[in-house]
Structure formats: C-alpha cells, structure tokens
Amino acid sequence: MSVPDDQSDGCYLGRLRRAPVTRPRDSEHGPEDGKLTRRTNGSRDQRARDMDDEYGPVVAAYTRAEFIRSGDLIEIPPKMASDAGFEVPLLITAGAREEFVGGTDGGEDERLSTVLSAVAGAVAQAPANEVCFVVPAEDLPATQASTGADRLLAITEPGDTGELVMTLMLPTEM
C-alpha cells in the first residue's frame, strides 16, 4: 500500500480502520463540555469481520495490557487526563515519554501536563471525525534525553475490549 503525498504527516495508517471520534460541539449527542467521546459505527463483530476481509485473520496478538506490563506503554493518570479535557484512557509509549516527559529533575508532571495540553489543542483544531492528531515538537517540552523527534502522534483506537483509548507515540512507533 502506498501512502499518498498529502498524507505524509505520519497518520495515514491510523486513518484506515480506527474507531471514529467526535467532539460534542460537532454532534447533537454527548457531554456539553467538549470532551472526546466515542461514536459507534456498527457492531464490534462486523468491524472484526471487515478487518479479516481486508488483512486476513489474526495470526498472533499482543494486547495493550501486555504492552503496559512490559513497560512499552505507560498509563497516564486519569486525573491528569481529565484535567486536560479527556474522558478516554490515555497511554504514552515509553519512547514518547522519554522524548517529551521523562527526566530526573522532578519536572515530569509539569512536562506531561504541557504535552496533554498540546494534544488537547490539536484535537480541538482537527476535523470532528479525525482519529490521528499531530502535535509539532515545537509545541512540546524537550527533555535531556531528547533525540530530536519532530512531532508526537495521538491515535484514537479501540482498546483490548473495544473501548476507546488514545495512545501518544512517536511517528517511528506507529
């Protein structure tokens, strides 16, 4: 599959079969506070059949819970996510955490708050049915371990049990 030139932001693959997200300001249903909510399109079984038709049956799977146990994904505290305006569970990859949040100076919470604010801003500016959000690195804090990543991706997708989750990651981790 080739990626069209106009989709070079690193999110093209995230647009193929992800669960759509809507902001209540763009819909007649949902909370009044503008937080992300899930919009369902068909049954979970139908979506699974569609994926099998396009990609073939799943041969092996590594669940989100297994990624969390291994340390490859880190759960963002629900209070911090809620304070930034998110109602969905948020996770960040170990690489993205190291790039934009990590450190030994005690400023991790402040940097994470800055990251979440930047992601919330990208979500607010995106079209209502977008599932992949790009946050430029200049909107994010740099850490001592920074490798010079030029952006952070925020992907909304179904979790292990079909619930809507958002994962923050580097483009190379997609």
Protein backbone atom coordinates (compact mmCIF):
# COMPACT_ATOMS: atom_id res chain seq x y z
CA MET A 1 0.00 0.00 0.00
CA SER A 2 1.42 3.39 -0.91
CA VAL A 3 0.86 6.49 1.18
CA PRO A 4 -0.49 9.48 -0.76
CA ASP A 5 1.77 12.55 -0.71
CA ASP A 6 -0.88 14.60 1.10
CA GLN A 7 -0.85 12.09 3.98
CA SER A 8 2.82 12.45 4.91
CA ASP A 9 2.13 13.62 8.49
CA GLY A 10 2.61 10.07 9.81
CA CYS A 11 -1.09 9.46 10.46
CA TYR A 12 -2.17 7.83 7.20
CA LEU A 13 -2.12 4.30 8.60
CA GLY A 14 -4.10 5.48 11.62
CA ARG A 15 -6.92 6.60 9.33
CA LEU A 16 -7.59 3.23 7.75
CA ARG A 17 -9.78 1.38 10.23
CA ARG A 18 -9.81 3.24 13.52
CA ALA A 19 -12.98 3.96 15.52
CA PRO A 20 -14.18 7.49 14.71
CA VAL A 21 -14.23 10.10 17.44
CA THR A 22 -16.47 13.10 17.71
CA ARG A 23 -16.48 16.18 19.85
CA PRO A 24 -19.91 17.05 21.23
CA ARG A 25 -19.76 20.54 19.72
CA ASP A 26 -19.93 18.79 16.35
CA SER A 27 -22.72 16.43 17.28
CA GLU A 28 -26.09 16.52 18.96
CA HIS A 29 -25.21 13.82 21.49
CA GLY A 30 -22.69 13.63 24.29
CA PRO A 31 -21.49 15.76 27.15
CA GLU A 32 -21.70 19.53 26.87
CA ASP A 33 -18.11 20.15 27.96
CA GLY A 34 -16.40 19.40 24.62
CA LYS A 35 -14.53 16.27 25.75
CA LEU A 36 -13.81 13.42 23.37
CA THR A 37 -16.49 10.75 23.25
CA ARG A 38 -16.91 7.56 21.23
CA ARG A 39 -19.20 7.35 18.23
CA THR A 40 -20.03 3.79 17.25
CA ASN A 41 -20.25 2.61 13.66
CA GLY A 42 -21.63 -0.90 13.51
CA SER A 43 -21.07 -3.86 15.75
CA ARG A 44 -17.69 -4.94 17.06
CA ASP A 45 -18.16 -8.32 15.33
CA GLN A 46 -18.80 -6.58 11.99
CA ARG A 47 -15.66 -4.44 12.36
CA ALA A 48 -13.65 -7.58 13.14
CA ARG A 49 -15.04 -9.29 10.02
CA ASP A 50 -14.17 -6.23 7.93
CA MET A 51 -10.58 -6.34 9.23
CA ASP A 52 -10.34 -10.07 8.44
CA ASP A 53 -11.63 -9.41 4.91
CA GLU A 54 -9.04 -6.73 4.29
CA TYR A 55 -5.98 -8.10 6.13
CA GLY A 56 -6.72 -11.79 6.75
CA PRO A 57 -7.22 -13.49 10.13
CA VAL A 58 -5.14 -12.52 13.14
CA VAL A 59 -2.17 -14.85 13.49
CA ALA A 60 -0.84 -13.51 16.80
CA ALA A 61 -1.83 -10.65 19.05
CA TYR A 62 -0.05 -8.66 21.73
CA THR A 63 -2.64 -6.92 23.87
CA ARG A 64 -2.48 -3.39 25.21
CA ALA A 65 -2.41 -4.87 28.74
CA GLU A 66 0.69 -6.89 27.81
CA PHE A 67 2.37 -3.74 26.45
CA ILE A 68 1.60 -1.99 29.76
CA ARG A 69 3.00 -4.90 31.81
CA SER A 70 6.17 -4.91 29.70
CA GLY A 71 6.66 -1.15 30.17
CA ASP A 72 6.34 -0.34 26.46
CA LEU A 73 3.11 1.59 27.19
CA ILE A 74 2.57 3.76 30.25
CA GLU A 75 -0.87 4.71 31.52
CA ILE A 76 -1.39 8.44 32.04
CA PRO A 77 -3.09 9.07 35.39
CA PRO A 78 -6.86 9.51 34.78
CA LYS A 79 -6.92 12.72 36.87
CA MET A 80 -4.29 14.35 34.65
CA ALA A 81 -6.12 13.20 31.51
CA SER A 82 -9.42 14.52 32.85
CA ASP A 83 -7.85 17.84 33.85
CA ALA A 84 -6.66 18.22 30.24
CA GLY A 85 -10.19 17.54 28.93
CA PHE A 86 -10.01 13.85 28.00
CA GLU A 87 -12.62 11.28 29.05
CA VAL A 88 -10.91 8.38 27.29
CA PRO A 89 -7.99 6.47 28.83
CA LEU A 90 -4.64 7.86 27.67
CA LEU A 91 -1.43 5.93 27.24
CA ILE A 92 2.01 7.07 26.15
CA THR A 93 4.73 4.91 24.65
CA ALA A 94 7.98 4.58 26.56
CA GLY A 95 9.79 6.30 23.66
CA ALA A 96 7.45 9.29 23.58
CA ARG A 97 7.60 9.58 27.37
CA GLU A 98 11.39 9.61 27.27
CA GLU A 99 11.40 12.16 24.43
CA PHE A 100 8.90 14.68 25.83
CA VAL A 101 8.19 13.91 29.52
CA GLY A 102 10.99 11.96 31.20
CA GLY A 103 13.79 13.29 33.35
CA THR A 104 15.31 13.21 36.80
CA ASP A 105 14.78 16.87 37.67
CA GLY A 106 11.30 16.42 39.20
CA GLY A 107 9.54 18.23 36.34
CA GLU A 108 7.86 15.19 34.78
CA ASP A 109 4.32 16.12 35.89
CA GLU A 110 4.69 19.65 34.51
CA ARG A 111 6.05 18.36 31.19
CA LEU A 112 3.26 15.74 30.96
CA SER A 113 0.69 18.46 31.62
CA THR A 114 2.23 20.53 28.78
CA VAL A 115 2.10 17.51 26.46
CA LEU A 116 -1.56 16.83 27.32
CA SER A 117 -2.47 20.49 26.75
CA ALA A 118 -0.76 20.42 23.34
CA VAL A 119 -2.60 17.21 22.39
CA ALA A 120 -5.92 18.71 23.56
CA GLY A 121 -5.20 21.73 21.36
CA ALA A 122 -4.52 19.51 18.33
CA VAL A 123 -7.75 17.60 18.97
CA ALA A 124 -9.73 20.83 19.26
CA GLN A 125 -8.39 22.11 15.92
CA ALA A 126 -8.91 18.86 13.99
CA PRO A 127 -11.97 17.84 11.96
CA ALA A 128 -14.66 16.12 14.03
CA ASN A 129 -14.11 12.64 12.57
CA GLU A 130 -10.30 12.64 12.82
CA VAL A 131 -8.64 9.75 14.67
CA CYS A 132 -4.98 10.76 14.39
CA PHE A 133 -3.69 14.05 15.71
CA VAL A 134 -0.24 15.53 15.04
CA VAL A 135 1.42 17.77 17.61
CA PRO A 136 4.56 19.56 16.32
CA ALA A 137 7.64 19.20 18.54
CA GLU A 138 7.87 22.99 18.98
CA ASP A 139 4.61 22.79 20.98
CA LEU A 140 6.13 20.19 23.32
CA PRO A 141 8.74 20.26 26.07
CA ALA A 142 12.18 18.80 25.35
CA THR A 143 13.91 16.50 27.84
CA GLN A 144 17.57 15.89 28.48
CA ALA A 145 17.24 12.58 26.62
CA SER A 146 15.62 14.19 23.56
CA THR A 147 16.53 12.59 20.23
CA GLY A 148 15.09 15.42 18.18
CA ALA A 149 11.70 13.92 17.28
CA ASP A 150 9.81 16.42 15.12
CA ARG A 151 6.27 15.54 16.27
CA LEU A 152 4.07 13.48 18.56
CA LEU A 153 1.14 11.45 17.27
CA ALA A 154 -2.04 10.90 19.25
CA ILE A 155 -4.05 7.97 17.87
CA THR A 156 -7.58 7.08 18.96
CA GLU A 157 -8.38 3.40 18.61
CA PRO A 158 -10.20 0.53 20.26
CA GLY A 159 -8.55 -0.90 23.37
CA ASP A 160 -8.36 -4.58 24.31
CA THR A 161 -12.10 -4.84 24.92
CA GLY A 162 -13.25 -2.39 22.25
CA GLU A 163 -13.30 0.68 24.49
CA LEU A 164 -11.98 3.92 23.01
CA VAL A 165 -8.42 4.79 24.07
CA MET A 166 -5.85 7.32 22.90
CA THR A 167 -2.18 6.47 22.55
CA LEU A 168 0.56 9.10 22.36
CA MET A 169 3.55 7.93 20.33
CA LEU A 170 6.46 8.92 18.16
CA PRO A 171 5.96 8.58 14.38
CA THR A 172 8.56 5.80 14.31
CA GLU A 173 6.46 3.77 16.74
CA MET A 174 3.37 3.58 14.55
